[in-house]
Amino acid sequence: MPPQTLLYGLAALLVIVGLVGVVLPALPGLPLVFAGMLLAAWAGGFQQVGPVALVILGLMTALSFAIDFWATAHGAKRVGASRKAIIGAILGTFAGLFVFPPFGLFIGPFAGALIGELLHGRDLPQATKVGFGTWLGIVLAVVLKLGLAFAMLGVFAFDWYY
């Protein structure tokens, strides 16, 4: 098997793992997608995908970090989350991922934020509201990053074929 074929296979694997990582917080989703696209461009000698497309893809990857922070913080702040709730949501996400996959991804952030708010001294109705708001922010981030991932695939495919 020629080395170029192996590189293309590795590039495709990085993109696929990256797409999974958009949904699973334990993986750096869009950076892996970008790494796969960069590897594919390099394997092809930058003939199909050039520097302009790669810069656009790099900027889109950087935008994904801003989306992550903005959407999660927006959801949490909108409902008055404390710092403990945000830390709880992050810890709950990882606990949910490893302890109760795949449902833990949906329950973990909510439960972590709820527990964080209770530890902060809030009553149960307020803590529940914060847990839901924080969870909603995380879901919004995943949806926005999925849209960005497919936009990146579109930019890459457009430059590859045209």
N, C-alpha and C. Protein backbone atom coordinates (compact mmCIF):
# COMPACT_ATOMS: atom_id res chain seq x y z
N MET A 1 0.85 -1.17 0.00
CA MET A 1 0.00 0.00 0.00
C MET A 1 0.91 1.24 0.00
N PRO A 2 0.67 2.16 -0.94
CA PRO A 2 1.51 3.36 -1.00
C PRO A 2 1.34 4.25 0.24
N PRO A 3 2.40 4.95 0.61
CA PRO A 3 2.33 5.80 1.80
C PRO A 3 1.22 6.87 1.71
N GLN A 4 0.96 7.37 0.52
CA GLN A 4 -0.07 8.40 0.36
C GLN A 4 -1.44 7.84 0.74
N THR A 5 -1.70 6.58 0.40
CA THR A 5 -2.96 5.94 0.75
C THR A 5 -3.10 5.82 2.27
N LEU A 6 -2.00 5.47 2.93
CA LEU A 6 -2.01 5.39 4.40
C LEU A 6 -2.28 6.76 5.02
N LEU A 7 -1.68 7.79 4.46
CA LEU A 7 -1.90 9.14 4.98
C LEU A 7 -3.35 9.57 4.80
N TYR A 8 -3.92 9.27 3.64
CA TYR A 8 -5.33 9.60 3.42
C TYR A 8 -6.23 8.83 4.38
N GLY A 9 -5.89 7.57 4.62
CA GLY A 9 -6.67 6.77 5.58
C GLY A 9 -6.59 7.34 6.99
N LEU A 10 -5.37 7.74 7.40
CA LEU A 10 -5.20 8.36 8.71
C LEU A 10 -5.95 9.69 8.79
N ALA A 11 -5.91 10.45 7.71
CA ALA A 11 -6.63 11.72 7.66
C ALA A 11 -8.14 11.50 7.82
N ALA A 12 -8.67 10.51 7.13
CA ALA A 12 -10.10 10.20 7.24
C ALA A 12 -10.44 9.75 8.66
N LEU A 13 -9.57 8.96 9.26
CA LEU A 13 -9.80 8.50 10.64
C LEU A 13 -9.81 9.69 11.61
N LEU A 14 -8.90 10.63 11.43
CA LEU A 14 -8.87 11.82 12.28
C LEU A 14 -10.17 12.63 12.15
N VAL A 15 -10.65 12.76 10.92
CA VAL A 15 -11.89 13.51 10.70
C VAL A 15 -13.06 12.80 11.37
N ILE A 16 -13.14 11.49 11.23
CA ILE A 16 -14.24 10.72 11.83
C ILE A 16 -14.20 10.80 13.36
N VAL A 17 -13.01 10.61 13.93
CA VAL A 17 -12.87 10.70 15.39
C VAL A 17 -13.20 12.12 15.84
N GLY A 18 -12.80 13.10 15.05
CA GLY A 18 -13.12 14.49 15.37
C GLY A 18 -14.60 14.77 15.36
N LEU A 19 -15.32 14.21 14.40
CA LEU A 19 -16.78 14.38 14.35
C LEU A 19 -17.44 13.76 15.58
N VAL A 20 -16.93 12.62 16.01
CA VAL A 20 -17.43 12.00 17.24
C VAL A 20 -17.10 12.91 18.43
N GLY A 21 -15.92 13.52 18.39
CA GLY A 21 -15.49 14.40 19.47
C GLY A 21 -16.29 15.69 19.58
N VAL A 22 -16.99 16.06 18.54
CA VAL A 22 -17.86 17.24 18.62
C VAL A 22 -18.96 16.98 19.64
N VAL A 23 -19.40 15.73 19.73
CA VAL A 23 -20.47 15.36 20.65
C VAL A 23 -19.92 14.89 21.99
N LEU A 24 -18.79 14.20 21.98
CA LEU A 24 -18.19 13.69 23.21
C LEU A 24 -17.16 14.69 23.72
N PRO A 25 -17.37 15.26 24.88
CA PRO A 25 -16.46 16.31 25.35
C PRO A 25 -15.06 15.85 25.70
N ALA A 26 -14.81 14.55 25.75
CA ALA A 26 -13.48 14.07 26.11
C ALA A 26 -12.51 14.15 24.93
N LEU A 27 -13.02 14.37 23.73
CA LEU A 27 -12.18 14.45 22.54
C LEU A 27 -12.19 15.87 21.99
N PRO A 28 -11.04 16.35 21.53
CA PRO A 28 -11.01 17.68 20.91
C PRO A 28 -11.55 17.62 19.48
N GLY A 29 -12.86 17.67 19.33
CA GLY A 29 -13.54 17.42 18.07
C GLY A 29 -13.02 18.18 16.86
N LEU A 30 -13.28 19.47 16.80
CA LEU A 30 -12.94 20.22 15.60
C LEU A 30 -11.44 20.35 15.37
N PRO A 31 -10.60 20.42 16.41
CA PRO A 31 -9.16 20.37 16.13
C PRO A 31 -8.73 19.06 15.45
N LEU A 32 -9.36 17.94 15.82
CA LEU A 32 -9.04 16.68 15.14
C LEU A 32 -9.54 16.69 13.70
N VAL A 33 -10.72 17.26 13.47
CA VAL A 33 -11.22 17.38 12.09
C VAL A 33 -10.23 18.20 11.27
N PHE A 34 -9.80 19.34 11.83
CA PHE A 34 -8.84 20.19 11.12
C PHE A 34 -7.53 19.44 10.87
N ALA A 35 -7.04 18.71 11.87
CA ALA A 35 -5.79 17.96 11.71
C ALA A 35 -5.92 16.94 10.58
N GLY A 36 -7.06 16.27 10.49
CA GLY A 36 -7.28 15.32 9.41
C GLY A 36 -7.30 15.99 8.04
N MET A 37 -7.93 17.15 7.97
CA MET A 37 -7.99 17.88 6.70
C MET A 37 -6.61 18.40 6.31
N LEU A 38 -5.86 18.88 7.28
CA LEU A 38 -4.51 19.36 7.01
C LEU A 38 -3.62 18.21 6.53
N LEU A 39 -3.75 17.05 7.16
CA LEU A 39 -2.98 15.88 6.75
C LEU A 39 -3.34 15.46 5.33
N ALA A 40 -4.63 15.47 5.00
CA ALA A 40 -5.05 15.11 3.65
C ALA A 40 -4.51 16.11 2.63
N ALA A 41 -4.55 17.39 2.97
CA ALA A 41 -4.01 18.41 2.05
C ALA A 41 -2.52 18.20 1.85
N TRP A 42 -1.80 17.92 2.94
CA TRP A 42 -0.36 17.69 2.85
C TRP A 42 -0.05 16.43 2.03
N ALA A 43 -0.84 15.36 2.27
CA ALA A 43 -0.62 14.10 1.54
C ALA A 43 -0.80 14.31 0.04
N GLY A 44 -1.67 15.23 -0.33
CA GLY A 44 -1.89 15.52 -1.75
C GLY A 44 -1.00 16.63 -2.27
N GLY A 45 0.02 17.01 -1.50
CA GLY A 45 0.95 18.04 -1.95
C GLY A 45 0.30 19.42 -2.05
N PHE A 46 -0.77 19.63 -1.33
CA PHE A 46 -1.53 20.89 -1.33
C PHE A 46 -2.03 21.25 -2.73
N GLN A 47 -2.21 20.21 -3.57
CA GLN A 47 -2.71 20.45 -4.93
C GLN A 47 -4.22 20.63 -4.95
N GLN A 48 -4.94 19.80 -4.18
CA GLN A 48 -6.40 19.89 -4.15
C GLN A 48 -6.88 20.94 -3.17
N VAL A 49 -6.23 21.03 -2.03
CA VAL A 49 -6.63 21.98 -0.99
C VAL A 49 -5.43 22.88 -0.71
N GLY A 50 -5.66 24.18 -0.94
CA GLY A 50 -4.56 25.13 -0.83
C GLY A 50 -4.56 25.92 0.47
N PRO A 51 -3.63 26.87 0.55
CA PRO A 51 -3.46 27.64 1.78
C PRO A 51 -4.67 28.48 2.17
N VAL A 52 -5.37 29.03 1.21
CA VAL A 52 -6.53 29.87 1.55
C VAL A 52 -7.59 29.04 2.26
N ALA A 53 -7.90 27.87 1.73
CA ALA A 53 -8.89 27.00 2.37
C ALA A 53 -8.41 26.56 3.75
N LEU A 54 -7.13 26.27 3.87
CA LEU A 54 -6.59 25.82 5.17
C LEU A 54 -6.64 26.94 6.21
N VAL A 55 -6.41 28.17 5.79
CA VAL A 55 -6.52 29.29 6.73
C VAL A 55 -7.98 29.44 7.17
N ILE A 56 -8.90 29.33 6.23
CA ILE A 56 -10.33 29.42 6.57
C ILE A 56 -10.70 28.30 7.54
N LEU A 57 -10.24 27.09 7.26
CA LEU A 57 -10.52 25.96 8.15
C LEU A 57 -9.89 26.17 9.53
N GLY A 58 -8.70 26.73 9.58
CA GLY A 58 -8.05 27.02 10.85
C GLY A 58 -8.83 28.06 11.65
N LEU A 59 -9.33 29.07 10.97
CA LEU A 59 -10.14 30.09 11.65
C LEU A 59 -11.45 29.50 12.16
N MET A 60 -12.04 28.61 11.38
CA MET A 60 -13.27 27.95 11.82
C MET A 60 -13.00 27.09 13.06
N THR A 61 -11.84 26.45 13.09
CA THR A 61 -11.46 25.65 14.26
C THR A 61 -11.31 26.55 15.48
N ALA A 62 -10.65 27.68 15.32
CA ALA A 62 -10.50 28.63 16.42
C ALA A 62 -11.86 29.13 16.89
N LEU A 63 -12.77 29.35 15.95
CA LEU A 63 -14.12 29.79 16.30
C LEU A 63 -14.83 28.76 17.17
N SER A 64 -14.51 27.49 16.97
CA SER A 64 -15.16 26.44 17.76
C SER A 64 -14.86 26.58 19.25
N PHE A 65 -13.65 27.05 19.59
CA PHE A 65 -13.32 27.26 21.00
C PHE A 65 -14.17 28.39 21.58
N ALA A 66 -14.32 29.45 20.81
CA ALA A 66 -15.15 30.57 21.26
C ALA A 66 -16.60 30.13 21.44
N ILE A 67 -17.10 29.31 20.53
CA ILE A 67 -18.47 28.80 20.63
C ILE A 67 -18.64 28.00 21.91
N ASP A 68 -17.68 27.13 22.19
CA ASP A 68 -17.74 26.30 23.40
C ASP A 68 -17.88 27.15 24.65
N PHE A 69 -16.99 28.10 24.80
CA PHE A 69 -17.01 28.94 26.00
C PHE A 69 -18.25 29.82 26.05
N TRP A 70 -18.59 30.43 24.92
CA TRP A 70 -19.72 31.35 24.90
C TRP A 70 -21.04 30.64 25.22
N ALA A 71 -21.31 29.53 24.54
CA ALA A 71 -22.60 28.87 24.71
C ALA A 71 -22.76 28.32 26.12
N THR A 72 -21.73 27.71 26.65
CA THR A 72 -21.82 27.16 28.01
C THR A 72 -21.98 28.28 29.03
N ALA A 73 -21.16 29.32 28.89
CA ALA A 73 -21.24 30.44 29.84
C ALA A 73 -22.57 31.17 29.69
N HIS A 74 -23.04 31.32 28.46
CA HIS A 74 -24.31 32.02 28.23
C HIS A 74 -25.47 31.27 28.90
N GLY A 75 -25.51 29.97 28.72
CA GLY A 75 -26.56 29.18 29.35
C GLY A 75 -26.50 29.26 30.87
N ALA A 76 -25.28 29.21 31.40
CA ALA A 76 -25.12 29.25 32.85
C ALA A 76 -25.41 30.63 33.42
N LYS A 77 -24.89 31.66 32.80
CA LYS A 77 -25.08 33.02 33.32
C LYS A 77 -26.53 33.48 33.18
N ARG A 78 -27.18 33.03 32.14
CA ARG A 78 -28.56 33.44 31.91
C ARG A 78 -29.48 33.03 33.07
N VAL A 79 -29.13 31.95 33.72
CA VAL A 79 -29.95 31.49 34.85
C VAL A 79 -29.27 31.75 36.19
N GLY A 80 -28.20 32.54 36.19
CA GLY A 80 -27.56 32.94 37.44
C GLY A 80 -26.70 31.87 38.09
N ALA A 81 -26.02 31.06 37.29
CA ALA A 81 -25.20 29.98 37.84
C ALA A 81 -24.01 30.52 38.61
N SER A 82 -23.68 29.83 39.68
CA SER A 82 -22.48 30.17 40.46
C SER A 82 -21.27 29.47 39.83
N ARG A 83 -20.11 29.85 40.29
CA ARG A 83 -18.87 29.20 39.82
C ARG A 83 -18.89 27.71 40.16
N LYS A 84 -19.45 27.37 41.31
CA LYS A 84 -19.54 25.96 41.71
C LYS A 84 -20.43 25.18 40.75
N ALA A 85 -21.48 25.80 40.24
CA ALA A 85 -22.37 25.13 39.29
C ALA A 85 -21.65 24.86 37.97
N ILE A 86 -20.87 25.83 37.51
CA ILE A 86 -20.14 25.65 36.25
C ILE A 86 -19.09 24.55 36.41
N ILE A 87 -18.36 24.57 37.51
CA ILE A 87 -17.38 23.50 37.77
C ILE A 87 -18.10 22.16 37.90
N GLY A 88 -19.24 22.16 38.56
CA GLY A 88 -20.03 20.94 38.69
C GLY A 88 -20.49 20.41 37.34
N ALA A 89 -20.89 21.31 36.45
CA ALA A 89 -21.33 20.88 35.11
C ALA A 89 -20.18 20.24 34.34
N ILE A 90 -18.98 20.83 34.46
CA ILE A 90 -17.82 20.26 33.78
C ILE A 90 -17.48 18.88 34.35
N LEU A 91 -17.43 18.79 35.67
CA LEU A 91 -17.14 17.50 36.31
C LEU A 91 -18.24 16.48 36.00
N GLY A 92 -19.49 16.94 36.01
CA GLY A 92 -20.61 16.06 35.70
C GLY A 92 -20.56 15.54 34.27
N THR A 93 -20.08 16.37 33.36
CA THR A 93 -19.95 15.93 31.96
C THR A 93 -18.97 14.78 31.86
N PHE A 94 -17.81 14.93 32.49
CA PHE A 94 -16.81 13.86 32.42
C PHE A 94 -17.26 12.62 33.19
N ALA A 95 -17.88 12.81 34.34
CA ALA A 95 -18.38 11.67 35.10
C ALA A 95 -19.46 10.93 34.30
N GLY A 96 -20.34 11.69 33.69
CA GLY A 96 -21.39 11.08 32.88
C GLY A 96 -20.83 10.31 31.69
N LEU A 97 -19.80 10.86 31.10
CA LEU A 97 -19.18 10.22 29.94
C LEU A 97 -18.58 8.87 30.30
N PHE A 98 -17.90 8.81 31.44
CA PHE A 98 -17.18 7.59 31.79
C PHE A 98 -17.98 6.62 32.66
N VAL A 99 -18.95 7.12 33.42
CA VAL A 99 -19.68 6.26 34.34
C VAL A 99 -20.96 5.73 33.72
N PHE A 100 -21.68 6.58 32.99
CA PHE A 100 -22.99 6.18 32.43
C PHE A 100 -23.11 6.50 30.94
N PRO A 101 -22.15 6.09 30.11
CA PRO A 101 -22.27 6.42 28.69
C PRO A 101 -23.45 5.67 28.06
N PRO A 102 -24.12 6.16 27.08
CA PRO A 102 -24.07 7.50 26.52
C PRO A 102 -25.02 8.47 27.23
N PHE A 103 -25.92 7.93 28.07
CA PHE A 103 -26.92 8.79 28.71
C PHE A 103 -26.31 9.77 29.70
N GLY A 104 -25.15 9.41 30.25
CA GLY A 104 -24.48 10.28 31.19
C GLY A 104 -24.07 11.62 30.59
N LEU A 105 -23.91 11.64 29.26
CA LEU A 105 -23.58 12.90 28.60
C LEU A 105 -24.71 13.92 28.73
N PHE A 106 -25.91 13.43 28.87
CA PHE A 106 -27.06 14.33 28.99
C PHE A 106 -27.40 14.60 30.45
N ILE A 107 -27.20 13.59 31.30
CA ILE A 107 -27.56 13.71 32.71
C ILE A 107 -26.43 14.35 33.52
N GLY A 108 -25.18 14.02 33.20
CA GLY A 108 -24.03 14.47 33.96
C GLY A 108 -23.91 15.98 34.13
N PRO A 109 -23.96 16.77 33.03
CA PRO A 109 -23.83 18.22 33.19
C PRO A 109 -24.95 18.82 34.03
N PHE A 110 -26.17 18.33 33.83
CA PHE A 110 -27.30 18.82 34.62
C PHE A 110 -27.09 18.50 36.10
N ALA A 111 -26.76 17.24 36.39
CA ALA A 111 -26.58 16.82 37.78
C ALA A 111 -25.42 17.56 38.43
N GLY A 112 -24.32 17.74 37.69
CA GLY A 112 -23.17 18.44 38.24
C GLY A 112 -23.49 19.90 38.58
N ALA A 113 -24.20 20.57 37.69
CA ALA A 113 -24.58 21.96 37.94
C ALA A 113 -25.56 22.05 39.11
N LEU A 114 -26.49 21.13 39.15
CA LEU A 114 -27.46 21.08 40.25
C LEU A 114 -26.74 20.91 41.59
N ILE A 115 -25.84 19.95 41.66
CA ILE A 115 -25.09 19.70 42.90
C ILE A 115 -24.23 20.91 43.26
N GLY A 116 -23.59 21.51 42.24
CA GLY A 116 -22.79 22.70 42.49
C GLY A 116 -23.61 23.84 43.08
N GLU A 117 -24.81 24.04 42.59
CA GLU A 117 -25.68 25.09 43.11
C GLU A 117 -26.15 24.77 44.52
N LEU A 118 -26.45 23.52 44.78
CA LEU A 118 -26.84 23.14 46.14
C LEU A 118 -25.69 23.36 47.12
N LEU A 119 -24.46 23.05 46.68
CA LEU A 119 -23.30 23.29 47.53
C LEU A 119 -23.05 24.79 47.73
N HIS A 120 -23.49 25.56 46.77
CA HIS A 120 -23.37 27.02 46.87
C HIS A 120 -24.40 27.61 47.84
N GLY A 121 -25.37 26.80 48.21
CA GLY A 121 -26.37 27.24 49.18
C GLY A 121 -27.71 27.63 48.59
N ARG A 122 -27.92 27.31 47.34
CA ARG A 122 -29.20 27.64 46.71
C ARG A 122 -30.24 26.58 47.07
N ASP A 123 -31.52 26.97 46.97
CA ASP A 123 -32.59 26.00 47.23
C ASP A 123 -32.78 25.12 45.99
N LEU A 124 -33.51 24.03 46.15
CA LEU A 124 -33.67 23.04 45.09
C LEU A 124 -34.31 23.61 43.82
N PRO A 125 -35.38 24.41 43.89
CA PRO A 125 -35.94 24.95 42.64
C PRO A 125 -34.94 25.82 41.86
N GLN A 126 -34.19 26.68 42.55
CA GLN A 126 -33.20 27.52 41.88
C GLN A 126 -32.07 26.67 41.32
N ALA A 127 -31.62 25.68 42.10
CA ALA A 127 -30.54 24.80 41.65
C ALA A 127 -30.98 24.01 40.42
N THR A 128 -32.23 23.58 40.38
CA THR A 128 -32.76 22.85 39.22
C THR A 128 -32.78 23.75 37.99
N LYS A 129 -33.20 24.99 38.18
CA LYS A 129 -33.23 25.95 37.07
C LYS A 129 -31.82 26.17 36.52
N VAL A 130 -30.85 26.33 37.40
CA VAL A 130 -29.47 26.52 36.98
C VAL A 130 -28.95 25.27 36.27
N GLY A 131 -29.25 24.10 36.82
CA GLY A 131 -28.83 22.85 36.18
C GLY A 131 -29.35 22.74 34.77
N PHE A 132 -30.62 23.07 34.58
CA PHE A 132 -31.22 22.99 33.25
C PHE A 132 -30.61 24.04 32.31
N GLY A 133 -30.41 25.25 32.80
CA GLY A 133 -29.84 26.31 31.96
C GLY A 133 -28.43 25.99 31.52
N THR A 134 -27.65 25.46 32.43
CA THR A 134 -26.27 25.07 32.10
C THR A 134 -26.27 23.94 31.08
N TRP A 135 -27.13 22.96 31.28
CA TRP A 135 -27.25 21.85 30.35
C TRP A 135 -27.67 22.34 28.96
N LEU A 136 -28.60 23.28 28.93
CA LEU A 136 -29.06 23.83 27.66
C LEU A 136 -27.92 24.54 26.93
N GLY A 137 -27.06 25.25 27.67
CA GLY A 137 -25.91 25.89 27.06
C GLY A 137 -24.96 24.89 26.43
N ILE A 138 -24.75 23.77 27.09
CA ILE A 138 -23.86 22.74 26.56
C ILE A 138 -24.47 22.13 25.29
N VAL A 139 -25.77 21.89 25.30
CA VAL A 139 -26.44 21.36 24.11
C VAL A 139 -26.33 22.36 22.95
N LEU A 140 -26.51 23.64 23.25
CA LEU A 140 -26.38 24.67 22.22
C LEU A 140 -24.98 24.65 21.63
N ALA A 141 -23.97 24.51 22.47
CA ALA A 141 -22.59 24.46 21.98
C ALA A 141 -22.39 23.26 21.04
N VAL A 142 -22.92 22.11 21.40
CA VAL A 142 -22.77 20.92 20.55
C VAL A 142 -23.45 21.14 19.20
N VAL A 143 -24.65 21.69 19.21
CA VAL A 143 -25.38 21.94 17.96
C VAL A 143 -24.61 22.92 17.08
N LEU A 144 -24.10 24.01 17.67
CA LEU A 144 -23.35 24.99 16.89
C LEU A 144 -22.06 24.39 16.34
N LYS A 145 -21.37 23.57 17.14
CA LYS A 145 -20.13 22.95 16.67
C LYS A 145 -20.40 21.91 15.59
N LEU A 146 -21.52 21.21 15.68
CA LEU A 146 -21.86 20.28 14.60
C LEU A 146 -22.07 21.03 13.29
N GLY A 147 -22.77 22.15 13.36
CA GLY A 147 -22.96 22.98 12.16
C GLY A 147 -21.62 23.46 11.62
N LEU A 148 -20.73 23.86 12.50
CA LEU A 148 -19.41 24.31 12.09
C LEU A 148 -18.61 23.15 11.47
N ALA A 149 -18.73 21.96 12.04
CA ALA A 149 -18.02 20.80 11.50
C ALA A 149 -18.47 20.51 10.07
N PHE A 150 -19.77 20.55 9.83
CA PHE A 150 -20.25 20.28 8.48
C PHE A 150 -19.90 21.42 7.52
N ALA A 151 -19.84 22.64 8.01
CA ALA A 151 -19.38 23.76 7.18
C ALA A 151 -17.91 23.55 6.80
N MET A 152 -17.11 23.07 7.76
CA MET A 152 -15.70 22.78 7.47
C MET A 152 -15.57 21.70 6.41
N LEU A 153 -16.39 20.66 6.53
CA LEU A 153 -16.37 19.60 5.52
C LEU A 153 -16.74 20.16 4.15
N GLY A 154 -17.70 21.08 4.14
CA GLY A 154 -18.10 21.71 2.88
C GLY A 154 -16.99 22.55 2.27
N VAL A 155 -16.29 23.33 3.08
CA VAL A 155 -15.17 24.15 2.58
C VAL A 155 -14.08 23.24 2.02
N PHE A 156 -13.77 22.18 2.76
CA PHE A 156 -12.74 21.24 2.32
C PHE A 156 -13.13 20.57 1.00
N ALA A 157 -14.36 20.06 0.95
CA ALA A 157 -14.82 19.37 -0.27
C ALA A 157 -14.86 20.33 -1.47
N PHE A 158 -15.31 21.56 -1.23
CA PHE A 158 -15.38 22.53 -2.32
C PHE A 158 -13.99 22.79 -2.89
N ASP A 159 -13.01 23.01 -1.99
CA ASP A 159 -11.65 23.28 -2.47
C ASP A 159 -11.03 22.05 -3.11
N TRP A 160 -11.36 20.88 -2.63
CA TRP A 160 -10.80 19.64 -3.18
C TRP A 160 -11.28 19.40 -4.61
N TYR A 161 -12.57 19.62 -4.85
CA TYR A 161 -13.15 19.28 -6.15
C TYR A 161 -13.23 20.45 -7.13
N TYR A 162 -13.07 21.67 -6.65
CA TYR A 162 -13.18 22.81 -7.57
C TYR A 162 -11.94 23.61 -7.48
